[in-house]
C-alpha atoms as a PDB file:
ATOM      1  CA  MET A   1      39.221  20.411-154.099  1.00  0.00           C
ATOM      2  CA  LYS A   2      39.858  22.732-157.155  1.00  0.00           C
ATOM      3  CA  VAL A   3      38.139  25.620-158.198  1.00  0.00           C
ATOM      4  CA  TYR A   4      39.254  26.523-162.112  1.00  0.00           C
ATOM      5  CA  PRO A   5      37.555  30.149-162.644  1.00  0.00           C
ATOM      6  CA  ALA A   6      38.136  30.161-166.601  1.00  0.00           C
ATOM      7  CA  GLY A   7      37.196  31.480-170.043  1.00  0.00           C
ATOM      8  CA  TYR A   8      36.754  30.494-173.480  1.00  0.00           C
ATOM      9  CA  SER A   9      38.210  33.103-175.204  1.00  0.00           C
ATOM     10  CA  ARG A  10      41.424  33.087-173.662  1.00  0.00           C
ATOM     11  CA  HIS A  11      41.737  29.387-171.839  1.00  0.00           C
ATOM     12  CA  GLY A  12      39.896  27.279-174.524  1.00  0.00           C
ATOM     13  CA  ALA A  13      43.052  24.653-174.931  1.00  0.00           C
ATOM     14  CA  LEU A  14      43.832  24.365-171.032  1.00  0.00           C
ATOM     15  CA  ILE A  15      39.540  23.685-170.624  1.00  0.00           C
ATOM     16  CA  GLU A  16      40.408  20.932-172.581  1.00  0.00           C
ATOM     17  CA  GLN A  17      43.147  19.900-171.255  1.00  0.00           C
ATOM     18  CA  LEU A  18      41.573  20.343-167.619  1.00  0.00           C
ATOM     19  CA  MET A  19      38.727  17.803-168.122  1.00  0.00           C
ATOM     20  CA  ALA A  20      40.370  15.318-169.513  1.00  0.00           C
ATOM     21  CA  ASP A  21      40.071  14.344-165.881  1.00  0.00           C
ATOM     22  CA  PRO A  22      37.415  12.156-165.564  1.00  0.00           C
ATOM     23  CA  LYS A  23      36.845  14.015-161.890  1.00  0.00           C
ATOM     24  CA  THR A  24      36.558  17.363-163.780  1.00  0.00           C
ATOM     25  CA  LEU A  25      33.061  19.003-164.269  1.00  0.00           C
ATOM     26  CA  LEU A  26      32.542  22.114-166.964  1.00  0.00           C
ATOM     27  CA  ILE A  27      30.580  23.847-165.198  1.00  0.00           C
ATOM     28  CA  ASP A  28      28.479  27.046-167.177  1.00  0.00           C
ATOM     29  CA  THR A  29      27.715  29.946-165.593  1.00  0.00           C
ATOM     30  CA  ARG A  30      26.898  31.954-169.029  1.00  0.00           C
ATOM     31  CA  TYR A  31      22.975  33.180-168.301  1.00  0.00           C
ATOM     32  CA  SER A  32      22.654  31.097-171.827  1.00  0.00           C
ATOM     33  CA  PRO A  33      24.491  28.544-172.994  1.00  0.00           C
ATOM     34  CA  ASN A  34      24.865  30.100-177.007  1.00  0.00           C
ATOM     35  CA  SER A  35      28.698  30.858-178.229  1.00  0.00           C
ATOM     36  CA  LYS A  36      29.721  32.718-182.200  1.00  0.00           C
ATOM     37  CA  ILE A  37      31.905  29.641-182.011  1.00  0.00           C
ATOM     38  CA  SER A  38      29.854  26.336-182.227  1.00  0.00           C
ATOM     39  CA  ALA A  39      32.249  24.520-179.976  1.00  0.00           C
ATOM     40  CA  TRP A  40      31.358  26.424-177.127  1.00  0.00           C
ATOM     41  CA  ALA A  41      27.670  26.225-177.707  1.00  0.00           C
ATOM     42  CA  GLY A  42      26.083  24.607-174.749  1.00  0.00           C
ATOM     43  CA  SER A  43      24.882  21.683-177.101  1.00  0.00           C
ATOM     44  CA  ALA A  44      28.184  21.024-178.611  1.00  0.00           C
ATOM     45  CA  LEU A  45      29.967  20.753-175.107  1.00  0.00           C
ATOM     46  CA  LYS A  46      26.621  18.444-173.737  1.00  0.00           C
ATOM     47  CA  ALA A  47      28.225  16.117-177.030  1.00  0.00           C
ATOM     48  CA  LYS A  48      31.736  16.429-176.112  1.00  0.00           C
ATOM     49  CA  TYR A  49      31.906  16.063-172.078  1.00  0.00           C
ATOM     50  CA  GLY A  50      28.075  14.441-171.758  1.00  0.00           C
ATOM     51  CA  ASP A  51      27.445  14.535-167.385  1.00  0.00           C
ATOM     52  CA  ARG A  52      30.764  16.323-167.323  1.00  0.00           C
ATOM     53  CA  TYR A  53      28.362  19.360-168.563  1.00  0.00           C
ATOM     54  CA  ARG A  54      26.928  21.602-166.288  1.00  0.00           C
ATOM     55  CA  PHE A  55      24.646  24.745-167.492  1.00  0.00           C
ATOM     56  CA  ALA A  56      24.209  26.696-163.920  1.00  0.00           C
ATOM     57  CA  GLY A  57      23.509  29.343-165.988  1.00  0.00           C
ATOM     58  CA  LYS A  58      19.693  29.579-164.241  1.00  0.00           C
ATOM     59  CA  PHE A  59      21.734  29.713-160.584  1.00  0.00           C
ATOM     60  CA  LEU A  60      24.923  31.484-161.254  1.00  0.00           C
ATOM     61  CA  GLY A  61      24.604  33.229-163.839  1.00  0.00           C
ATOM     62  CA  ASN A  62      24.486  37.016-164.614  1.00  0.00           C
ATOM     63  CA  VAL A  63      20.965  37.982-165.123  1.00  0.00           C
ATOM     64  CA  ASN A  64      23.170  41.731-166.440  1.00  0.00           C
ATOM     65  CA  TYR A  65      24.977  40.050-169.234  1.00  0.00           C
ATOM     66  CA  LYS A  66      24.176  42.543-171.973  1.00  0.00           C
ATOM     67  CA  GLY A  67      24.518  45.382-169.696  1.00  0.00           C
ATOM     68  CA  GLY A  68      24.275  46.541-165.962  1.00  0.00           C
ATOM     69  CA  PRO A  69      25.703  46.427-162.596  1.00  0.00           C
ATOM     70  CA  MET A  70      26.949  41.841-162.217  1.00  0.00           C
ATOM     71  CA  MET A  71      23.860  40.128-160.810  1.00  0.00           C
ATOM     72  CA  LEU A  72      24.090  36.709-160.097  1.00  0.00           C
ATOM     73  CA  ALA A  73      20.195  34.850-160.979  1.00  0.00           C
ATOM     74  CA  ASN A  74      20.434  32.527-157.959  1.00  0.00           C
ATOM     75  CA  PRO A  75      23.292  32.269-156.193  1.00  0.00           C
ATOM     76  CA  ALA A  76      22.493  30.719-153.443  1.00  0.00           C
ATOM     77  CA  ARG A  77      21.744  28.177-154.941  1.00  0.00           C
ATOM     78  CA  GLY A  78      24.039  27.835-157.227  1.00  0.00           C
ATOM     79  CA  ILE A  79      26.644  28.077-154.496  1.00  0.00           C
ATOM     80  CA  GLN A  80      24.527  24.774-153.080  1.00  0.00           C
ATOM     81  CA  GLY A  81      25.663  22.517-155.821  1.00  0.00           C
ATOM     82  CA  LEU A  82      29.128  23.976-156.377  1.00  0.00           C
ATOM     83  CA  VAL A  83      30.066  23.314-152.847  1.00  0.00           C
ATOM     84  CA  MET A  84      28.430  19.641-153.374  1.00  0.00           C
ATOM     85  CA  TYR A  85      30.062  19.140-156.699  1.00  0.00           C
ATOM     86  CA  LEU A  86      33.261  19.873-154.651  1.00  0.00           C
ATOM     87  CA  ASN A  87      32.194  17.513-151.898  1.00  0.00           C
ATOM     88  CA  GLU A  88      31.336  14.880-154.304  1.00  0.00           C
ATOM     89  CA  GLY A  89      35.170  14.671-154.976  1.00  0.00           C
ATOM     90  CA  TYR A  90      34.912  17.211-158.269  1.00  0.00           C
ATOM     91  CA  ASP A  91      37.592  19.470-159.554  1.00  0.00           C
ATOM     92  CA  LEU A  92      35.466  22.720-161.368  1.00  0.00           C
ATOM     93  CA  ILE A  93      36.286  24.621-163.749  1.00  0.00           C
ATOM     94  CA  VAL A  94      33.702  27.601-164.296  1.00  0.00           C
ATOM     95  CA  LEU A  95      33.316  28.339-167.285  1.00  0.00           C
ATOM     96  CA  CYS A  96      32.511  31.713-168.825  1.00  0.00           C
ATOM     97  CA  GLY A  97      32.779  33.587-172.351  1.00  0.00           C
ATOM     98  CA  CYS A  98      34.486  36.759-170.754  1.00  0.00           C
ATOM     99  CA  ALA A  99      38.486  37.283-171.346  1.00  0.00           C
ATOM    100  CA  GLU A 100      39.012  39.061-168.395  1.00  0.00           C
ATOM    101  CA  PHE A 101      37.853  37.756-165.055  1.00  0.00           C
ATOM    102  CA  SER A 102      38.073  40.582-163.044  1.00  0.00           C
ATOM    103  CA  ALA A 103      35.234  42.253-165.503  1.00  0.00           C
ATOM    104  CA  CYS A 104      33.666  38.977-165.697  1.00  0.00           C
ATOM    105  CA  HIS A 105      30.722  37.658-162.951  1.00  0.00           C
ATOM    106  CA  ARG A 106      33.350  34.740-162.243  1.00  0.00           C
ATOM    107  CA  ARG A 107      34.405  36.928-159.592  1.00  0.00           C
ATOM    108  CA  LEU A 108      32.026  37.675-157.978  1.00  0.00           C
ATOM    109  CA  ILE A 109      31.037  33.887-158.352  1.00  0.00           C
ATOM    110  CA  VAL A 110      34.510  32.583-156.652  1.00  0.00           C
ATOM    111  CA  ASP A 111      34.354  35.247-153.867  1.00  0.00           C
ATOM    112  CA  LEU A 112      31.064  33.290-152.791  1.00  0.00           C
ATOM    113  CA  LEU A 113      32.333  30.035-153.255  1.00  0.00           C
ATOM    114  CA  ARG A 114      34.803  30.592-150.630  1.00  0.00           C
ATOM    115  CA  GLY A 115      33.166  32.639-148.736  1.00  0.00           C
ATOM    116  CA  ALA A 116      30.497  29.305-148.491  1.00  0.00           C
ATOM    117  CA  MET A 117      33.908  26.477-148.339  1.00  0.00           C
ATOM    118  CA  PRO A 118      36.949  28.933-147.299  1.00  0.00           C
ATOM    119  CA  GLU A 119      39.444  25.626-147.641  1.00  0.00           C
ATOM    120  CA  VAL A 120      38.809  25.603-151.775  1.00  0.00           C
ATOM    121  CA  GLY A 121      41.782  26.052-153.044  1.00  0.00           C
ATOM    122  CA  VAL A 122      41.107  28.890-156.538  1.00  0.00           C
ATOM    123  CA  VAL A 123      43.562  27.504-159.506  1.00  0.00           C
ATOM    124  CA  MET A 124      43.589  30.956-162.363  1.00  0.00           C
ATOM    125  CA  PRO A 125      44.183  29.431-166.045  1.00  0.00           C
ATOM    126  CA  GLU A 126      47.497  31.714-166.091  1.00  0.00           C
ATOM    127  CA  GLN A 127      49.416  30.087-162.511  1.00  0.00           C
ATOM    128  CA  ILE A 128      49.041  27.113-164.872  1.00  0.00           C
ATOM    129  CA  GLU A 129      49.914  28.754-168.340  1.00  0.00           C
ATOM    130  CA  SER A 130      53.036  30.584-166.722  1.00  0.00           C
ATOM    131  CA  LYS A 131      54.297  27.232-165.345  1.00  0.00           C
ATOM    132  CA  ARG A 132      53.599  25.544-168.495  1.00  0.00           C
ATOM    133  CA  GLY A 133      56.327  28.378-169.893  1.00  0.00           C
ATOM    134  CA  LYS A 134      53.663  29.435-172.566  1.00  0.00           C
END
């Protein structure tokens, strides 16, 4: 049971590598699944990954993404969904566009998920990239 909190603006290639595993789901936590980079739009991700792409912005999106304090749309429901996927045996990529984890709402999601499921392994993309010598 692993969770990879990743921002496509920084970890795009790694996300694609992780998605090569059929037991990995891509959980899109952007409040809106739009992107200026067409390959990262929700519709493109759905076309590429099919049912392994899950848009969760209605629950795990930052309602204040345009400014203000970070606030998840419906964290209880969103975390419940992540726990369900993990219990079904999937690893999860918690996706946003932000490059920096510390300044992104992914940090809130990971903190809440660890509270609900302390045994989950959180693997930061930088850990994988440093092992590969990047």
